[in-house]
Amino acid sequence: MKTLFRALALLPLPVLHAFGAALGWVSFLASATYRQRFVANARQAGYGLAQVRAAVAEAGKLVAEAPRLWFGRSPAIEWEGAQLIDAGLALGKGIVFLTPHLGCFEATAQGYAARYGRITVLYRPARKAWLRDLVDTSRARANLATAPTTLAGVKQMLKALKAGEAVGLLPDQVPPQNLGVWAPFFDRPAYTMTLSARLAQQTGATVLLAWGQRLAWGRGFRIHLRAWPGELPGTPADAAAQVNAQMERLVRECPQQYLWGYARYKEPAPGRAA
């Protein structure tokens, strides 16, 4: 599989995106379960299929661009709001980046690592052994570290923040049981991680909202940065609700690149408290 990915990484990004767009529509049309979840999630947010149909192709592009991002030459990155990072780093308490399943979230971490320095990104290890090996070994980039969704991973992220470094999370990812709370997401209860708020509250880190826009015709990505409004609430439930509200805010900036097919409202998998 690595050999295949390395070969695909040599292809131009426009070619990969064209293939991915076709792949996205094939998946949408072939899987009734995926199609129904996509439409239901979009409708929950107030969008009809006609308004977000572009997200079908964008989901396929997300898959097709992975070989290039993992094994190939770094794509072109543009920045909007980079001064927020400069201000956050000047405080010396680290930065917590919160990114929804919007656009290319891999590009946001890689772009930061290339321009600013070390960043640690939380990820959930794949269940299948072959895929776990591929993902765990292919994301290695200069200044880019990964932390698993375990107690050891949480400690790794705390250590990074205390050293004044940056960490990144996808807070609209469903955490295991005992690692989240139920909070509204587009007016429907969704099991939401509490880790992002706890990291910021325990370290005093700057919280920034970020997402990587996939530019047309394979021109690369534009990283959008937004300041966190005010302070995080003290209780886990209130903090999770506010995090979800900010994720909604980002999604509404470009609903055509949100991963509507993600099972956001599923029951959490069994887990243990960290």
C-alpha atoms as a PDB file:
ATOM      1  CA  MET A   1       0.000   0.000   0.000  1.00  0.00           C
ATOM      2  CA  LYS A   2       2.856   2.393   0.752  1.00  0.00           C
ATOM      3  CA  THR A   3       4.271   1.735  -2.699  1.00  0.00           C
ATOM      4  CA  LEU A   4       0.946   2.674  -4.268  1.00  0.00           C
ATOM      5  CA  PHE A   5       0.666   5.823  -2.174  1.00  0.00           C
ATOM      6  CA  ARG A   6       4.225   6.861  -3.061  1.00  0.00           C
ATOM      7  CA  ALA A   7       3.421   6.419  -6.740  1.00  0.00           C
ATOM      8  CA  LEU A   8       0.205   8.456  -6.458  1.00  0.00           C
ATOM      9  CA  ALA A   9       2.110  11.173  -4.597  1.00  0.00           C
ATOM     10  CA  LEU A  10       4.028  11.899  -7.793  1.00  0.00           C
ATOM     11  CA  LEU A  11       0.870  12.940  -9.628  1.00  0.00           C
ATOM     12  CA  PRO A  12      -0.034  16.644  -9.872  1.00  0.00           C
ATOM     13  CA  LEU A  13      -2.599  17.802  -7.340  1.00  0.00           C
ATOM     14  CA  PRO A  14      -5.137  18.760 -10.069  1.00  0.00           C
ATOM     15  CA  VAL A  15      -5.053  15.184 -11.364  1.00  0.00           C
ATOM     16  CA  LEU A  16      -5.559  13.747  -7.882  1.00  0.00           C
ATOM     17  CA  HIS A  17      -8.436  16.126  -7.236  1.00  0.00           C
ATOM     18  CA  ALA A  18     -10.109  15.216 -10.532  1.00  0.00           C
ATOM     19  CA  PHE A  19      -9.877  11.545  -9.650  1.00  0.00           C
ATOM     20  CA  GLY A  20     -11.101  12.281  -6.126  1.00  0.00           C
ATOM     21  CA  ALA A  21     -14.142  14.190  -7.362  1.00  0.00           C
ATOM     22  CA  ALA A  22     -15.194  11.174  -9.412  1.00  0.00           C
ATOM     23  CA  LEU A  23     -14.511   8.882  -6.456  1.00  0.00           C
ATOM     24  CA  GLY A  24     -16.689  11.054  -4.233  1.00  0.00           C
ATOM     25  CA  TRP A  25     -19.674  10.769  -6.542  1.00  0.00           C
ATOM     26  CA  VAL A  26     -19.216   7.025  -7.028  1.00  0.00           C
ATOM     27  CA  SER A  27     -19.233   6.553  -3.253  1.00  0.00           C
ATOM     28  CA  PHE A  28     -22.264   8.803  -2.855  1.00  0.00           C
ATOM     29  CA  LEU A  29     -24.287   6.969  -5.486  1.00  0.00           C
ATOM     30  CA  ALA A  30     -23.158   3.462  -4.513  1.00  0.00           C
ATOM     31  CA  SER A  31     -23.794   3.647  -0.765  1.00  0.00           C
ATOM     32  CA  ALA A  32     -27.334   4.333   0.395  1.00  0.00           C
ATOM     33  CA  THR A  33     -26.190   4.581   4.021  1.00  0.00           C
ATOM     34  CA  TYR A  34     -23.567   7.200   3.235  1.00  0.00           C
ATOM     35  CA  ARG A  35     -25.927   9.117   0.968  1.00  0.00           C
ATOM     36  CA  GLN A  36     -28.725   9.204   3.544  1.00  0.00           C
ATOM     37  CA  ARG A  37     -26.376  10.329   6.320  1.00  0.00           C
ATOM     38  CA  PHE A  38     -24.897  13.041   4.087  1.00  0.00           C
ATOM     39  CA  VAL A  39     -28.323  14.434   3.192  1.00  0.00           C
ATOM     40  CA  ALA A  40     -29.653  14.142   6.770  1.00  0.00           C
ATOM     41  CA  ASN A  41     -26.656  15.928   8.305  1.00  0.00           C
ATOM     42  CA  ALA A  42     -26.840  18.722   5.742  1.00  0.00           C
ATOM     43  CA  ARG A  43     -30.588  19.086   6.301  1.00  0.00           C
ATOM     44  CA  GLN A  44     -30.001  19.263  10.069  1.00  0.00           C
ATOM     45  CA  ALA A  45     -27.824  22.323   9.419  1.00  0.00           C
ATOM     46  CA  GLY A  46     -30.457  23.856   7.164  1.00  0.00           C
ATOM     47  CA  TYR A  47     -28.996  22.964   3.763  1.00  0.00           C
ATOM     48  CA  GLY A  48     -30.610  21.133   0.883  1.00  0.00           C
ATOM     49  CA  LEU A  49     -28.599  18.825  -1.338  1.00  0.00           C
ATOM     50  CA  ALA A  50     -28.501  21.422  -4.117  1.00  0.00           C
ATOM     51  CA  GLN A  51     -26.716  23.841  -1.770  1.00  0.00           C
ATOM     52  CA  VAL A  52     -23.980  21.431  -0.684  1.00  0.00           C
ATOM     53  CA  ARG A  53     -23.720  19.009  -3.604  1.00  0.00           C
ATOM     54  CA  ALA A  54     -20.172  20.248  -4.213  1.00  0.00           C
ATOM     55  CA  ALA A  55     -19.244  18.606  -0.890  1.00  0.00           C
ATOM     56  CA  VAL A  56     -19.784  15.197  -2.521  1.00  0.00           C
ATOM     57  CA  ALA A  57     -16.795  15.755  -4.784  1.00  0.00           C
ATOM     58  CA  GLU A  58     -14.809  17.505  -2.049  1.00  0.00           C
ATOM     59  CA  ALA A  59     -15.062  14.414   0.171  1.00  0.00           C
ATOM     60  CA  GLY A  60     -13.501  12.372  -2.613  1.00  0.00           C
ATOM     61  CA  LYS A  61     -10.749  14.954  -3.061  1.00  0.00           C
ATOM     62  CA  LEU A  62      -9.970  14.612   0.650  1.00  0.00           C
ATOM     63  CA  VAL A  63      -9.167  10.942   0.093  1.00  0.00           C
ATOM     64  CA  ALA A  64      -7.332  11.379  -3.203  1.00  0.00           C
ATOM     65  CA  GLU A  65      -5.019  14.131  -1.948  1.00  0.00           C
ATOM     66  CA  ALA A  66      -3.796  12.052   1.007  1.00  0.00           C
ATOM     67  CA  PRO A  67      -0.906  10.380  -0.873  1.00  0.00           C
ATOM     68  CA  ARG A  68       0.429  13.775  -1.958  1.00  0.00           C
ATOM     69  CA  LEU A  69       0.133  15.218   1.544  1.00  0.00           C
ATOM     70  CA  TRP A  70       1.690  12.189   3.210  1.00  0.00           C
ATOM     71  CA  PHE A  71       4.446  11.293   0.778  1.00  0.00           C
ATOM     72  CA  GLY A  72       4.795  14.031  -1.823  1.00  0.00           C
ATOM     73  CA  ARG A  73       6.102  17.530  -2.155  1.00  0.00           C
ATOM     74  CA  SER A  74       4.278  20.014   0.070  1.00  0.00           C
ATOM     75  CA  PRO A  75       1.517  21.865  -1.814  1.00  0.00           C
ATOM     76  CA  ALA A  76       1.230  25.642  -2.053  1.00  0.00           C
ATOM     77  CA  ILE A  77      -0.182  27.249   1.113  1.00  0.00           C
ATOM     78  CA  GLU A  78      -1.793  30.670   1.423  1.00  0.00           C
ATOM     79  CA  TRP A  79      -2.617  32.346   4.745  1.00  0.00           C
ATOM     80  CA  GLU A  80      -5.451  34.510   5.989  1.00  0.00           C
ATOM     81  CA  GLY A  81      -5.152  35.862   9.526  1.00  0.00           C
ATOM     82  CA  ALA A  82      -1.563  34.734  10.194  1.00  0.00           C
ATOM     83  CA  GLN A  83      -1.105  37.686  12.549  1.00  0.00           C
ATOM     84  CA  LEU A  84      -3.240  35.800  15.078  1.00  0.00           C
ATOM     85  CA  ILE A  85      -0.577  33.096  15.249  1.00  0.00           C
ATOM     86  CA  ASP A  86       2.163  35.660  15.716  1.00  0.00           C
ATOM     87  CA  ALA A  87       0.239  37.224  18.600  1.00  0.00           C
ATOM     88  CA  GLY A  88      -0.463  33.847  20.204  1.00  0.00           C
ATOM     89  CA  LEU A  89       3.147  32.693  20.033  1.00  0.00           C
ATOM     90  CA  ALA A  90       4.325  35.989  21.544  1.00  0.00           C
ATOM     91  CA  LEU A  91       2.411  35.141  24.738  1.00  0.00           C
ATOM     92  CA  GLY A  92       4.547  32.033  25.224  1.00  0.00           C
ATOM     93  CA  LYS A  93       1.750  29.749  26.475  1.00  0.00           C
ATOM     94  CA  GLY A  94       1.186  27.756  23.316  1.00  0.00           C
ATOM     95  CA  ILE A  95      -1.697  27.645  20.843  1.00  0.00           C
ATOM     96  CA  VAL A  96      -4.651  25.246  20.633  1.00  0.00           C
ATOM     97  CA  PHE A  97      -5.918  25.027  17.059  1.00  0.00           C
ATOM     98  CA  LEU A  98      -9.511  23.819  16.683  1.00  0.00           C
ATOM     99  CA  THR A  99     -10.379  22.576  13.206  1.00  0.00           C
ATOM    100  CA  PRO A 100     -13.627  20.897  12.057  1.00  0.00           C
ATOM    101  CA  HIS A 101     -13.889  18.277   9.306  1.00  0.00           C
ATOM    102  CA  LEU A 102     -13.844  21.144   6.826  1.00  0.00           C
ATOM    103  CA  GLY A 103     -11.644  21.445   3.762  1.00  0.00           C
ATOM    104  CA  CYS A 104      -8.200  19.895   4.142  1.00  0.00           C
ATOM    105  CA  PHE A 105      -7.363  19.642   7.836  1.00  0.00           C
ATOM    106  CA  GLU A 106      -4.075  17.890   7.036  1.00  0.00           C
ATOM    107  CA  ALA A 107      -2.904  21.029   5.231  1.00  0.00           C
ATOM    108  CA  THR A 108      -3.486  23.254   8.265  1.00  0.00           C
ATOM    109  CA  ALA A 109      -1.055  21.271  10.420  1.00  0.00           C
ATOM    110  CA  GLN A 110       1.517  20.871   7.655  1.00  0.00           C
ATOM    111  CA  GLY A 111       1.331  24.552   6.792  1.00  0.00           C
ATOM    112  CA  TYR A 112       1.911  25.560  10.407  1.00  0.00           C
ATOM    113  CA  ALA A 113       4.808  23.116  10.815  1.00  0.00           C
ATOM    114  CA  ALA A 114       6.530  24.425   7.685  1.00  0.00           C
ATOM    115  CA  ARG A 115       6.136  28.098   8.566  1.00  0.00           C
ATOM    116  CA  TYR A 116       6.188  28.343  12.354  1.00  0.00           C
ATOM    117  CA  GLY A 117       7.694  25.211  13.892  1.00  0.00           C
ATOM    118  CA  ARG A 118       6.616  22.253  15.956  1.00  0.00           C
ATOM    119  CA  ILE A 119       2.963  21.280  16.277  1.00  0.00           C
ATOM    120  CA  THR A 120       1.411  18.181  17.860  1.00  0.00           C
ATOM    121  CA  VAL A 121      -1.818  16.895  16.337  1.00  0.00           C
ATOM    122  CA  LEU A 122      -4.298  14.568  18.054  1.00  0.00           C
ATOM    123  CA  TYR A 123      -5.421  11.597  15.964  1.00  0.00           C
ATOM    124  CA  ARG A 124      -7.333   8.377  16.435  1.00  0.00           C
ATOM    125  CA  PRO A 125      -5.269   5.306  15.455  1.00  0.00           C
ATOM    126  CA  ALA A 126      -6.847   3.239  12.687  1.00  0.00           C
ATOM    127  CA  ARG A 127      -8.437  -0.034  13.754  1.00  0.00           C
ATOM    128  CA  LYS A 128      -7.038  -2.166  10.913  1.00  0.00           C
ATOM    129  CA  ALA A 129      -3.372  -3.052  11.330  1.00  0.00           C
ATOM    130  CA  TRP A 130      -2.334  -2.338   7.716  1.00  0.00           C
ATOM    131  CA  LEU A 131      -4.033   1.042   7.703  1.00  0.00           C
ATOM    132  CA  ARG A 132      -2.679   1.908  11.150  1.00  0.00           C
ATOM    133  CA  ASP A 133       0.874   1.241   9.977  1.00  0.00           C
ATOM    134  CA  LEU A 134       0.332   3.321   6.839  1.00  0.00           C
ATOM    135  CA  VAL A 135      -1.119   6.302   8.696  1.00  0.00           C
ATOM    136  CA  ASP A 136       1.289   6.177  11.638  1.00  0.00           C
ATOM    137  CA  THR A 137       4.393   6.160   9.453  1.00  0.00           C
ATOM    138  CA  SER A 138       3.301   8.362   6.560  1.00  0.00           C
ATOM    139  CA  ARG A 139       2.386  11.566   8.388  1.00  0.00           C
ATOM    140  CA  ALA A 140       5.957  12.161   9.498  1.00  0.00           C
ATOM    141  CA  ARG A 141       6.977  15.676   8.515  1.00  0.00           C
ATOM    142  CA  ALA A 142       9.515  18.071   9.950  1.00  0.00           C
ATOM    143  CA  ASN A 143       8.080  19.755  13.080  1.00  0.00           C
ATOM    144  CA  LEU A 144       4.863  17.694  12.868  1.00  0.00           C
ATOM    145  CA  ALA A 145       4.225  15.269  15.749  1.00  0.00           C
ATOM    146  CA  THR A 146       1.148  13.114  16.319  1.00  0.00           C
ATOM    147  CA  ALA A 147      -0.496  12.157  19.603  1.00  0.00           C
ATOM    148  CA  PRO A 148      -2.954   9.232  19.921  1.00  0.00           C
ATOM    149  CA  THR A 149      -6.323   9.588  21.647  1.00  0.00           C
ATOM    150  CA  THR A 150      -5.004   8.009  24.855  1.00  0.00           C
ATOM    151  CA  LEU A 151      -3.853   9.259  28.227  1.00  0.00           C
ATOM    152  CA  ALA A 152      -0.287   9.241  26.909  1.00  0.00           C
ATOM    153  CA  GLY A 153      -1.407  11.380  23.988  1.00  0.00           C
ATOM    154  CA  VAL A 154      -3.083  13.897  26.299  1.00  0.00           C
ATOM    155  CA  LYS A 155       0.083  14.162  28.367  1.00  0.00           C
ATOM    156  CA  GLN A 156       2.067  14.685  25.171  1.00  0.00           C
ATOM    157  CA  MET A 157      -0.160  17.596  24.181  1.00  0.00           C
ATOM    158  CA  LEU A 158       0.003  19.182  27.635  1.00  0.00           C
ATOM    159  CA  LYS A 159       3.772  18.952  27.547  1.00  0.00           C
ATOM    160  CA  ALA A 160       3.842  20.651  24.140  1.00  0.00           C
ATOM    161  CA  LEU A 161       1.653  23.525  25.339  1.00  0.00           C
ATOM    162  CA  LYS A 162       3.711  24.042  28.473  1.00  0.00           C
ATOM    163  CA  ALA A 163       6.742  24.347  26.204  1.00  0.00           C
ATOM    164  CA  GLY A 164       4.975  27.142  24.305  1.00  0.00           C
ATOM    165  CA  GLU A 165       4.289  24.968  21.248  1.00  0.00           C
ATOM    166  CA  ALA A 166       1.083  24.432  19.266  1.00  0.00           C
ATOM    167  CA  VAL A 167      -1.385  21.542  19.265  1.00  0.00           C
ATOM    168  CA  GLY A 168      -4.246  20.766  16.916  1.00  0.00           C
ATOM    169  CA  LEU A 169      -7.551  18.922  17.378  1.00  0.00           C
ATOM    170  CA  LEU A 170     -10.699  18.123  15.425  1.00  0.00           C
ATOM    171  CA  PRO A 171     -13.312  18.829  18.130  1.00  0.00           C
ATOM    172  CA  ASP A 172     -16.204  17.651  15.949  1.00  0.00           C
ATOM    173  CA  GLN A 173     -14.759  14.129  16.078  1.00  0.00           C
ATOM    174  CA  VAL A 174     -16.815  11.782  18.276  1.00  0.00           C
ATOM    175  CA  PRO A 175     -14.692  10.767  21.299  1.00  0.00           C
ATOM    176  CA  PRO A 176     -14.966   7.446  23.165  1.00  0.00           C
ATOM    177  CA  GLN A 177     -17.326   7.137  26.123  1.00  0.00           C
ATOM    178  CA  ASN A 178     -16.277   9.007  29.285  1.00  0.00           C
ATOM    179  CA  LEU A 179     -14.188  11.453  27.236  1.00  0.00           C
ATOM    180  CA  GLY A 180     -16.973  13.806  26.226  1.00  0.00           C
ATOM    181  CA  VAL A 181     -20.384  15.288  26.941  1.00  0.00           C
ATOM    182  CA  TRP A 182     -23.587  15.698  24.954  1.00  0.00           C
ATOM    183  CA  ALA A 183     -23.848  19.176  23.465  1.00  0.00           C
ATOM    184  CA  PRO A 184     -25.886  20.690  20.613  1.00  0.00           C
ATOM    185  CA  PHE A 185     -24.372  20.712  17.132  1.00  0.00           C
ATOM    186  CA  PHE A 186     -26.676  22.340  14.590  1.00  0.00           C
ATOM    187  CA  ASP A 187     -29.471  22.026  17.183  1.00  0.00           C
ATOM    188  CA  ARG A 188     -29.078  18.264  17.662  1.00  0.00           C
ATOM    189  CA  PRO A 189     -27.295  16.563  20.600  1.00  0.00           C
ATOM    190  CA  ALA A 190     -23.858  15.304  19.583  1.00  0.00           C
ATOM    191  CA  TYR A 191     -21.289  13.611  21.799  1.00  0.00           C
ATOM    192  CA  THR A 192     -18.486  16.185  22.011  1.00  0.00           C
ATOM    193  CA  MET A 193     -14.950  15.976  23.342  1.00  0.00           C
ATOM    194  CA  THR A 194     -14.043  18.078  26.377  1.00  0.00           C
ATOM    195  CA  LEU A 195     -10.299  17.823  25.799  1.00  0.00           C
ATOM    196  CA  SER A 196      -9.935  20.955  23.692  1.00  0.00           C
ATOM    197  CA  ALA A 197     -11.362  23.215  26.403  1.00  0.00           C
ATOM    198  CA  ARG A 198      -9.442  21.444  29.171  1.00  0.00           C
ATOM    199  CA  LEU A 199      -6.130  21.881  27.374  1.00  0.00           C
ATOM    200  CA  ALA A 200      -6.675  25.615  27.024  1.00  0.00           C
ATOM    201  CA  GLN A 201      -7.977  26.073  30.577  1.00  0.00           C
ATOM    202  CA  GLN A 202      -5.150  24.126  32.207  1.00  0.00           C
ATOM    203  CA  THR A 203      -2.351  25.876  30.317  1.00  0.00           C
ATOM    204  CA  GLY A 204      -3.682  29.334  29.466  1.00  0.00           C
ATOM    205  CA  ALA A 205      -2.952  28.666  25.791  1.00  0.00           C
ATOM    206  CA  THR A 206      -4.356  30.827  23.031  1.00  0.00           C
ATOM    207  CA  VAL A 207      -7.308  29.187  21.238  1.00  0.00           C
ATOM    208  CA  LEU A 208      -7.547  29.739  17.486  1.00  0.00           C
ATOM    209  CA  LEU A 209     -10.085  28.450  14.986  1.00  0.00           C
ATOM    210  CA  ALA A 210      -8.595  27.216  11.725  1.00  0.00           C
ATOM    211  CA  TRP A 211      -9.570  25.493   8.521  1.00  0.00           C
ATOM    212  CA  GLY A 212      -7.812  24.759   5.240  1.00  0.00           C
ATOM    213  CA  GLN A 213      -9.752  25.743   2.130  1.00  0.00           C
ATOM    214  CA  ARG A 214      -9.129  23.516  -0.881  1.00  0.00           C
ATOM    215  CA  LEU A 215      -8.500  25.883  -3.794  1.00  0.00           C
ATOM    216  CA  ALA A 216      -9.939  25.228  -7.247  1.00  0.00           C
ATOM    217  CA  TRP A 217      -7.945  23.499  -9.987  1.00  0.00           C
ATOM    218  CA  GLY A 218      -5.462  22.007  -7.536  1.00  0.00           C
ATOM    219  CA  ARG A 219      -3.802  25.356  -6.780  1.00  0.00           C
ATOM    220  CA  GLY A 220      -3.161  24.339  -3.181  1.00  0.00           C
ATOM    221  CA  PHE A 221      -4.804  25.439   0.059  1.00  0.00           C
ATOM    222  CA  ARG A 222      -5.661  28.629   1.917  1.00  0.00           C
ATOM    223  CA  ILE A 223      -5.547  28.455   5.716  1.00  0.00           C
ATOM    224  CA  HIS A 224      -8.192  30.631   7.377  1.00  0.00           C
ATOM    225  CA  LEU A 225      -7.652  31.652  11.006  1.00  0.00           C
ATOM    226  CA  ARG A 226     -10.219  33.086  13.408  1.00  0.00           C
ATOM    227  CA  ALA A 227      -9.811  34.348  16.969  1.00  0.00           C
ATOM    228  CA  TRP A 228     -11.703  32.626  19.764  1.00  0.00           C
ATOM    229  CA  PRO A 229     -14.438  34.999  20.991  1.00  0.00           C
ATOM    230  CA  GLY A 230     -14.113  35.721  24.705  1.00  0.00           C
ATOM    231  CA  GLU A 231     -13.261  33.103  27.303  1.00  0.00           C
ATOM    232  CA  LEU A 232     -14.180  29.435  27.533  1.00  0.00           C
ATOM    233  CA  PRO A 233     -16.949  28.605  30.035  1.00  0.00           C
ATOM    234  CA  GLY A 234     -15.880  26.755  33.161  1.00  0.00           C
ATOM    235  CA  THR A 235     -18.199  23.748  33.001  1.00  0.00           C
ATOM    236  CA  PRO A 236     -17.514  20.935  30.486  1.00  0.00           C
ATOM    237  CA  ALA A 237     -21.054  21.027  29.069  1.00  0.00           C
ATOM    238  CA  ASP A 238     -21.040  24.789  28.503  1.00  0.00           C
ATOM    239  CA  ALA A 239     -17.535  24.722  27.053  1.00  0.00           C
ATOM    240  CA  ALA A 240     -18.465  21.884  24.659  1.00  0.00           C
ATOM    241  CA  ALA A 241     -21.565  23.773  23.552  1.00  0.00           C
ATOM    242  CA  GLN A 242     -19.487  26.848  22.787  1.00  0.00           C
ATOM    243  CA  VAL A 243     -16.879  24.798  20.916  1.00  0.00           C
ATOM    244  CA  ASN A 244     -19.646  23.280  18.778  1.00  0.00           C
ATOM    245  CA  ALA A 245     -21.075  26.728  18.112  1.00  0.00           C
ATOM    246  CA  GLN A 246     -17.703  27.893  16.820  1.00  0.00           C
ATOM    247  CA  MET A 247     -17.363  24.797  14.652  1.00  0.00           C
ATOM    248  CA  GLU A 248     -20.777  25.627  13.183  1.00  0.00           C
ATOM    249  CA  ARG A 249     -19.508  29.133  12.496  1.00  0.00           C
ATOM    250  CA  LEU A 250     -16.592  27.774  10.463  1.00  0.00           C
ATOM    251  CA  VAL A 251     -18.737  25.244   8.593  1.00  0.00           C
ATOM    252  CA  ARG A 252     -21.099  28.007   7.493  1.00  0.00           C
ATOM    253  CA  GLU A 253     -18.159  29.844   5.932  1.00  0.00           C
ATOM    254  CA  CYS A 254     -17.909  27.071   3.341  1.00  0.00           C
ATOM    255  CA  PRO A 255     -20.521  24.300   3.713  1.00  0.00           C
ATOM    256  CA  GLN A 256     -19.506  23.025   0.270  1.00  0.00           C
ATOM    257  CA  GLN A 257     -16.273  21.659   1.784  1.00  0.00           C
ATOM    258  CA  TYR A 258     -17.633  20.165   5.005  1.00  0.00           C
ATOM    259  CA  LEU A 259     -17.580  16.397   5.450  1.00  0.00           C
ATOM    260  CA  TRP A 260     -21.355  15.963   5.710  1.00  0.00           C
ATOM    261  CA  GLY A 261     -21.040  12.198   5.434  1.00  0.00           C
ATOM    262  CA  TYR A 262     -19.214  11.988   8.783  1.00  0.00           C
ATOM    263  CA  ALA A 263     -21.280  10.188  11.434  1.00  0.00           C
ATOM    264  CA  ARG A 264     -21.293  13.163  13.797  1.00  0.00           C
ATOM    265  CA  TYR A 265     -24.359  12.086  15.774  1.00  0.00           C
ATOM    266  CA  LYS A 266     -23.396   8.463  16.427  1.00  0.00           C
ATOM    267  CA  GLU A 267     -23.212   6.921  19.879  1.00  0.00           C
ATOM    268  CA  PRO A 268     -19.689   6.991  21.343  1.00  0.00           C
ATOM    269  CA  ALA A 269     -17.613   3.837  21.277  1.00  0.00           C
ATOM    270  CA  PRO A 270     -16.839   2.146  24.623  1.00  0.00           C
ATOM    271  CA  GLY A 271     -13.870   3.747  26.323  1.00  0.00           C
ATOM    272  CA  ARG A 272     -12.359   4.483  29.691  1.00  0.00           C
ATOM    273  CA  ALA A 273     -11.801   7.708  31.530  1.00  0.00           C
ATOM    274  CA  ALA A 274      -8.445   9.406  31.063  1.00  0.00           C
END
